[in-house]
N, C-alpha and C. Protein backbone atom coordinates (compact mmCIF):
# COMPACT_ATOMS: atom_id res chain seq x y z
N UNK A 1 16.55 -11.60 3.94
CA UNK A 1 16.54 -11.80 2.56
C UNK A 1 17.91 -11.70 2.04
N UNK A 2 18.23 -12.90 1.30
CA UNK A 2 19.59 -12.89 0.78
C UNK A 2 20.21 -11.79 0.02
N UNK A 3 19.29 -11.51 -1.14
CA UNK A 3 19.94 -10.51 -2.11
C UNK A 3 19.12 -9.14 -2.01
N UNK A 4 18.72 -8.70 -0.86
CA UNK A 4 18.03 -7.47 -0.60
C UNK A 4 18.69 -6.30 -1.28
N UNK A 5 18.22 -5.61 -2.03
CA UNK A 5 18.85 -4.33 -2.66
C UNK A 5 17.99 -3.09 -2.19
N UNK A 6 18.71 -1.98 -2.08
CA UNK A 6 18.05 -0.85 -1.67
C UNK A 6 17.85 -0.02 -2.90
N UNK A 7 16.58 0.40 -3.26
CA UNK A 7 16.24 1.15 -4.54
C UNK A 7 15.89 2.41 -4.23
N UNK A 8 15.93 3.49 -5.27
CA UNK A 8 15.53 4.75 -5.07
C UNK A 8 14.21 4.92 -5.89
N UNK A 9 13.33 5.84 -5.62
CA UNK A 9 12.11 6.11 -6.24
C UNK A 9 12.36 6.11 -7.86
N UNK A 10 13.51 6.66 -8.29
CA UNK A 10 13.77 6.70 -9.77
C UNK A 10 13.88 5.40 -10.47
N UNK A 11 13.98 4.27 -9.68
CA UNK A 11 14.27 2.96 -10.19
C UNK A 11 12.82 2.10 -10.33
N UNK A 12 11.80 2.81 -9.68
CA UNK A 12 10.60 2.17 -9.80
C UNK A 12 9.89 2.46 -11.20
N UNK A 13 9.19 1.53 -11.70
CA UNK A 13 8.53 1.59 -13.00
C UNK A 13 7.08 2.16 -12.93
N UNK A 14 6.85 3.36 -12.66
CA UNK A 14 5.55 3.86 -12.59
C UNK A 14 4.78 3.92 -13.99
N UNK A 15 5.50 3.96 -15.21
CA UNK A 15 4.91 4.01 -16.26
C UNK A 15 4.27 2.79 -16.87
N UNK A 16 4.65 1.59 -16.38
CA UNK A 16 4.25 0.45 -16.76
C UNK A 16 2.78 0.17 -16.63
N UNK A 17 2.32 0.78 -15.51
CA UNK A 17 0.86 0.74 -15.13
C UNK A 17 0.16 2.15 -15.22
N UNK A 18 0.63 3.00 -16.16
CA UNK A 18 0.18 4.22 -16.39
C UNK A 18 0.15 5.33 -15.14
N UNK A 19 1.38 5.21 -14.55
CA UNK A 19 1.59 6.33 -13.48
C UNK A 19 1.25 5.75 -12.09
N UNK A 20 0.77 4.46 -11.86
CA UNK A 20 0.49 4.07 -10.65
C UNK A 20 1.11 2.70 -10.32
N UNK A 21 1.48 2.26 -9.07
CA UNK A 21 1.94 0.87 -8.80
C UNK A 21 0.94 0.21 -7.82
N UNK A 22 0.55 -0.95 -7.94
CA UNK A 22 -0.13 -1.77 -6.98
C UNK A 22 0.71 -2.04 -5.78
N UNK A 23 -0.09 -1.86 -4.67
CA UNK A 23 0.55 -2.15 -3.28
C UNK A 23 -0.23 -3.28 -2.56
N UNK A 24 0.46 -4.37 -2.33
CA UNK A 24 -0.18 -5.21 -1.41
C UNK A 24 0.19 -4.83 0.16
N UNK A 25 -0.70 -4.85 0.97
CA UNK A 25 -0.57 -4.27 2.32
C UNK A 25 -0.72 -5.43 3.34
N UNK A 26 0.22 -5.63 3.99
CA UNK A 26 0.21 -6.79 5.15
C UNK A 26 0.37 -6.29 6.55
N UNK A 27 -0.10 -6.82 7.54
CA UNK A 27 0.25 -6.56 8.81
C UNK A 27 1.60 -7.49 9.33
N UNK A 28 2.14 -7.04 10.33
CA UNK A 28 3.42 -7.71 10.88
C UNK A 28 3.33 -9.30 10.92
N UNK A 29 2.19 -9.82 11.02
CA UNK A 29 1.99 -11.25 11.01
C UNK A 29 2.11 -11.88 9.57
N UNK A 30 1.95 -10.94 8.57
CA UNK A 30 1.89 -11.52 7.22
C UNK A 30 0.50 -11.64 6.68
N UNK A 31 -0.57 -11.27 7.34
CA UNK A 31 -1.87 -11.23 6.86
C UNK A 31 -2.06 -10.27 5.86
N UNK A 32 -2.62 -10.56 4.62
CA UNK A 32 -2.97 -9.43 3.66
C UNK A 32 -4.03 -8.75 4.03
N UNK A 33 -4.01 -7.41 4.15
CA UNK A 33 -5.11 -6.47 4.54
C UNK A 33 -5.76 -5.89 3.43
N UNK A 34 -5.13 -5.46 2.46
CA UNK A 34 -5.73 -4.92 1.25
C UNK A 34 -4.83 -4.69 -0.02
N UNK A 35 -5.29 -4.41 -1.07
CA UNK A 35 -4.58 -4.11 -2.25
C UNK A 35 -4.97 -2.66 -2.61
N UNK A 36 -3.97 -1.85 -2.64
CA UNK A 36 -4.14 -0.42 -3.02
C UNK A 36 -3.17 -0.01 -4.15
N UNK A 37 -3.25 1.30 -4.44
CA UNK A 37 -2.37 2.03 -5.53
C UNK A 37 -1.72 3.13 -4.99
N UNK A 38 -0.45 3.37 -5.54
CA UNK A 38 0.28 4.60 -5.19
C UNK A 38 0.62 5.17 -6.46
N UNK A 39 0.58 6.54 -6.55
CA UNK A 39 1.33 7.29 -7.67
C UNK A 39 2.65 7.68 -6.98
N UNK A 40 3.31 8.42 -7.63
CA UNK A 40 4.75 9.05 -6.92
C UNK A 40 4.44 9.90 -5.78
N UNK A 41 3.42 10.67 -5.98
CA UNK A 41 3.10 11.65 -4.88
C UNK A 41 2.76 10.84 -3.59
N UNK A 42 1.72 9.93 -3.74
CA UNK A 42 1.41 9.14 -2.73
C UNK A 42 2.53 8.36 -2.04
N UNK A 43 3.42 7.82 -2.80
CA UNK A 43 4.56 7.13 -2.14
C UNK A 43 5.45 8.09 -1.44
N UNK A 44 5.77 9.28 -2.12
CA UNK A 44 6.52 10.29 -1.30
C UNK A 44 5.99 10.73 0.02
N UNK A 45 4.67 10.84 0.02
CA UNK A 45 4.10 11.41 1.24
C UNK A 45 4.09 10.21 2.21
N UNK A 46 3.95 8.86 1.75
CA UNK A 46 4.11 7.95 2.67
C UNK A 46 5.43 7.78 3.28
N UNK A 47 6.46 7.99 2.53
CA UNK A 47 7.91 7.98 2.94
C UNK A 47 8.13 9.04 3.85
N UNK A 48 7.70 10.17 3.62
CA UNK A 48 7.86 11.35 4.30
C UNK A 48 7.27 11.37 5.62
N UNK A 49 6.05 10.67 5.86
CA UNK A 49 5.21 10.90 6.98
C UNK A 49 5.29 9.61 7.85
N UNK A 50 5.36 8.61 7.21
CA UNK A 50 5.54 7.20 7.83
C UNK A 50 4.30 6.49 7.93
N UNK A 51 3.11 7.14 7.40
CA UNK A 51 1.77 6.52 7.27
C UNK A 51 1.39 6.39 5.89
N UNK A 52 0.66 5.43 5.68
CA UNK A 52 0.08 5.09 4.30
C UNK A 52 -0.62 6.12 3.64
N UNK A 53 -0.43 6.50 2.41
CA UNK A 53 -0.97 7.35 1.54
C UNK A 53 -1.29 6.65 0.10
N UNK A 54 -2.48 6.67 -0.30
CA UNK A 54 -2.70 5.91 -1.50
C UNK A 54 -3.44 6.74 -2.49
N UNK A 55 -3.23 6.38 -3.93
CA UNK A 55 -3.93 7.16 -5.01
C UNK A 55 -5.26 6.43 -5.12
N UNK A 56 -6.37 7.07 -4.62
CA UNK A 56 -7.68 6.70 -4.79
C UNK A 56 -8.14 6.79 -6.11
N UNK A 57 -8.20 5.67 -6.93
CA UNK A 57 -8.64 5.82 -8.40
C UNK A 57 -10.19 6.39 -8.40
N UNK A 58 -10.93 6.03 -7.48
CA UNK A 58 -12.36 6.40 -7.50
C UNK A 58 -12.52 7.92 -7.25
N UNK A 59 -11.55 8.62 -6.58
CA UNK A 59 -11.62 9.92 -6.12
C UNK A 59 -10.66 10.73 -6.99
N UNK A 60 -9.73 10.19 -7.67
CA UNK A 60 -8.88 10.79 -8.68
C UNK A 60 -7.69 11.54 -7.91
N UNK A 61 -7.40 11.22 -6.57
CA UNK A 61 -6.56 12.07 -5.85
C UNK A 61 -5.69 11.15 -4.70
N UNK A 62 -4.86 11.65 -4.13
CA UNK A 62 -4.16 10.99 -3.09
C UNK A 62 -4.77 11.18 -1.73
N UNK A 63 -4.97 10.17 -1.06
CA UNK A 63 -5.70 10.18 0.38
C UNK A 63 -4.78 9.50 1.36
N UNK A 64 -4.60 9.90 2.49
CA UNK A 64 -4.08 9.17 3.68
C UNK A 64 -4.99 8.06 4.16
N UNK A 65 -4.53 6.80 4.23
CA UNK A 65 -5.39 5.78 4.74
C UNK A 65 -5.74 6.31 6.13
N UNK A 66 -7.18 6.04 6.26
CA UNK A 66 -7.70 6.45 7.48
C UNK A 66 -7.96 7.95 7.59
N UNK A 67 -7.98 8.49 6.69
CA UNK A 67 -8.19 10.16 6.72
C UNK A 67 -9.57 10.47 7.14
N UNK A 68 -10.60 9.61 7.06
CA UNK A 68 -11.96 9.74 7.37
C UNK A 68 -12.36 8.98 8.76
N UNK A 69 -11.79 7.62 8.71
CA UNK A 69 -12.19 6.67 9.70
C UNK A 69 -11.18 6.74 11.07
N UNK A 70 -10.01 7.20 10.83
CA UNK A 70 -9.09 7.27 11.58
C UNK A 70 -8.29 5.82 11.83
N UNK A 71 -8.58 4.86 10.99
CA UNK A 71 -7.91 3.70 10.98
C UNK A 71 -6.60 3.84 10.13
N UNK A 72 -5.59 4.49 10.63
CA UNK A 72 -4.44 4.65 9.79
C UNK A 72 -3.59 3.40 9.87
N UNK A 73 -2.67 3.53 8.82
CA UNK A 73 -1.59 2.39 8.77
C UNK A 73 -0.22 3.06 8.81
N UNK A 74 0.47 2.62 10.02
CA UNK A 74 1.97 3.05 10.10
C UNK A 74 2.71 2.20 9.27
N UNK A 75 3.58 2.67 8.29
CA UNK A 75 4.28 1.89 7.45
C UNK A 75 5.68 1.49 8.17
N UNK A 76 5.79 0.19 8.30
CA UNK A 76 7.10 -0.35 9.14
C UNK A 76 8.09 -0.59 8.01
N UNK A 77 7.70 -1.02 6.76
CA UNK A 77 8.84 -1.43 5.82
C UNK A 77 8.03 -1.35 4.45
N UNK A 78 8.85 -0.94 3.32
CA UNK A 78 8.37 -1.08 1.94
C UNK A 78 9.35 -1.94 1.25
N UNK A 79 8.72 -3.07 0.71
CA UNK A 79 9.50 -3.94 -0.36
C UNK A 79 9.10 -3.71 -1.80
N UNK A 80 10.01 -3.88 -2.63
CA UNK A 80 9.78 -3.74 -4.02
C UNK A 80 9.96 -5.01 -4.73
N UNK A 81 8.81 -5.45 -5.66
CA UNK A 81 9.01 -6.80 -6.42
C UNK A 81 10.33 -6.67 -7.43
N UNK A 82 10.64 -7.68 -8.00
CA UNK A 82 11.84 -7.83 -8.83
C UNK A 82 11.73 -7.10 -10.24
N UNK A 83 10.46 -6.80 -10.59
CA UNK A 83 10.23 -6.00 -11.81
C UNK A 83 10.31 -4.49 -11.43
N UNK A 84 10.22 -4.02 -10.44
CA UNK A 84 10.14 -2.58 -9.86
C UNK A 84 8.87 -1.93 -10.19
N UNK A 85 7.78 -2.92 -10.15
CA UNK A 85 6.56 -2.27 -10.56
C UNK A 85 5.36 -2.70 -9.82
N UNK A 86 5.70 -3.18 -8.55
CA UNK A 86 4.69 -3.36 -7.53
C UNK A 86 5.44 -3.41 -6.18
N UNK A 87 4.57 -2.93 -5.14
CA UNK A 87 5.19 -2.74 -3.74
C UNK A 87 4.44 -3.68 -2.71
N UNK A 88 5.13 -3.71 -1.68
CA UNK A 88 4.53 -4.51 -0.47
C UNK A 88 4.74 -3.54 0.61
N UNK A 89 3.69 -3.14 1.21
CA UNK A 89 3.84 -2.29 2.60
C UNK A 89 3.58 -3.38 3.69
N UNK A 90 4.58 -3.17 4.75
CA UNK A 90 4.29 -3.93 5.95
C UNK A 90 3.81 -2.90 6.93
N UNK A 91 2.64 -2.99 7.65
CA UNK A 91 2.09 -1.97 8.38
C UNK A 91 1.76 -2.36 9.74
N UNK A 92 1.57 -1.39 10.56
CA UNK A 92 0.94 -1.49 11.88
C UNK A 92 -0.46 -0.73 11.58
N UNK A 93 -1.54 -1.75 11.59
CA UNK A 93 -2.89 -1.20 11.26
C UNK A 93 -3.57 -0.92 12.67
N UNK A 94 -4.10 0.27 12.50
CA UNK A 94 -5.08 0.95 13.65
C UNK A 94 -6.48 0.66 13.30
N UNK A 95 -7.18 -0.31 13.87
CA UNK A 95 -8.55 -0.46 13.64
C UNK A 95 -8.63 -1.31 12.37
N UNK A 96 -9.95 -1.56 11.90
CA UNK A 96 -10.19 -2.22 10.56
C UNK A 96 -9.47 -1.69 9.50
N UNK A 97 -8.88 -2.64 8.48
CA UNK A 97 -8.32 -2.05 7.32
C UNK A 97 -9.44 -1.75 6.17
N UNK A 98 -10.67 -2.58 6.20
CA UNK A 98 -11.40 -2.42 5.28
C UNK A 98 -12.36 -1.13 5.39
N UNK A 99 -12.85 -0.60 4.51
CA UNK A 99 -13.79 0.50 4.69
C UNK A 99 -15.20 0.15 5.08
N UNK A 100 -15.30 -1.26 5.04
CA UNK A 100 -16.71 -1.74 5.37
C UNK A 100 -16.76 -2.18 6.80
N UNK A 101 -15.45 -1.84 7.44
CA UNK A 101 -15.43 -2.35 9.02
C UNK A 101 -14.88 -3.63 9.20
N UNK A 102 -14.28 -4.45 8.13
CA UNK A 102 -13.82 -5.72 8.41
C UNK A 102 -12.35 -5.58 8.58
N UNK A 103 -11.73 -6.53 9.26
CA UNK A 103 -10.18 -6.39 9.53
C UNK A 103 -9.38 -6.43 8.32
N UNK A 104 -9.91 -7.17 7.20
CA UNK A 104 -9.18 -7.11 6.05
C UNK A 104 -10.12 -7.02 4.94
N UNK A 105 -9.78 -6.50 3.77
CA UNK A 105 -10.68 -6.35 2.65
C UNK A 105 -10.93 -7.71 2.02
N UNK A 106 -10.17 -8.74 2.22
CA UNK A 106 -10.26 -10.06 1.73
C UNK A 106 -11.00 -10.86 2.60
N UNK A 107 -12.36 -10.55 2.68
CA UNK A 107 -13.23 -11.22 3.67
C UNK A 107 -14.44 -12.09 2.81
N UNK A 108 -14.23 -12.13 1.42
CA UNK A 108 -15.20 -12.90 0.64
C UNK A 108 -14.49 -14.02 -0.07
N UNK A 109 -15.11 -14.94 -0.29
CA UNK A 109 -14.62 -16.12 -1.13
C UNK A 109 -15.46 -16.38 -2.45
N UNK A 110 -14.66 -16.60 -3.47
CA UNK A 110 -15.35 -16.74 -4.71
C UNK A 110 -15.87 -18.36 -4.77
N UNK A 111 -16.98 -18.35 -5.32
CA UNK A 111 -17.66 -19.57 -5.45
C UNK A 111 -16.87 -20.38 -6.42
N UNK A 112 -16.50 -21.82 -6.21
CA UNK A 112 -15.89 -22.62 -7.18
C UNK A 112 -16.86 -23.24 -8.09
């Protein structure tokens, strides 16, 4: 990437979306696996451990991806969008990414 900048956590705009940031999750081939959310705590844990942690809105807490299933995501890279309010995780996925057992959460098509 031509103009790649290295940002700090303080430069991320957590407030824009009420304390959380959306995270697009891709595998190394570029396939989109899921869309998740992080708060500051989840992102810090991800950076500390090298494994994806997300803020689970339905549970109201931070959880490690694969905590129950064992299908973890090793985070290879974290990219930040131009507005500093969304992230892209490039991961090495262990097992299915979707909690329904599918390889990706995007396994449905909207009827036109």
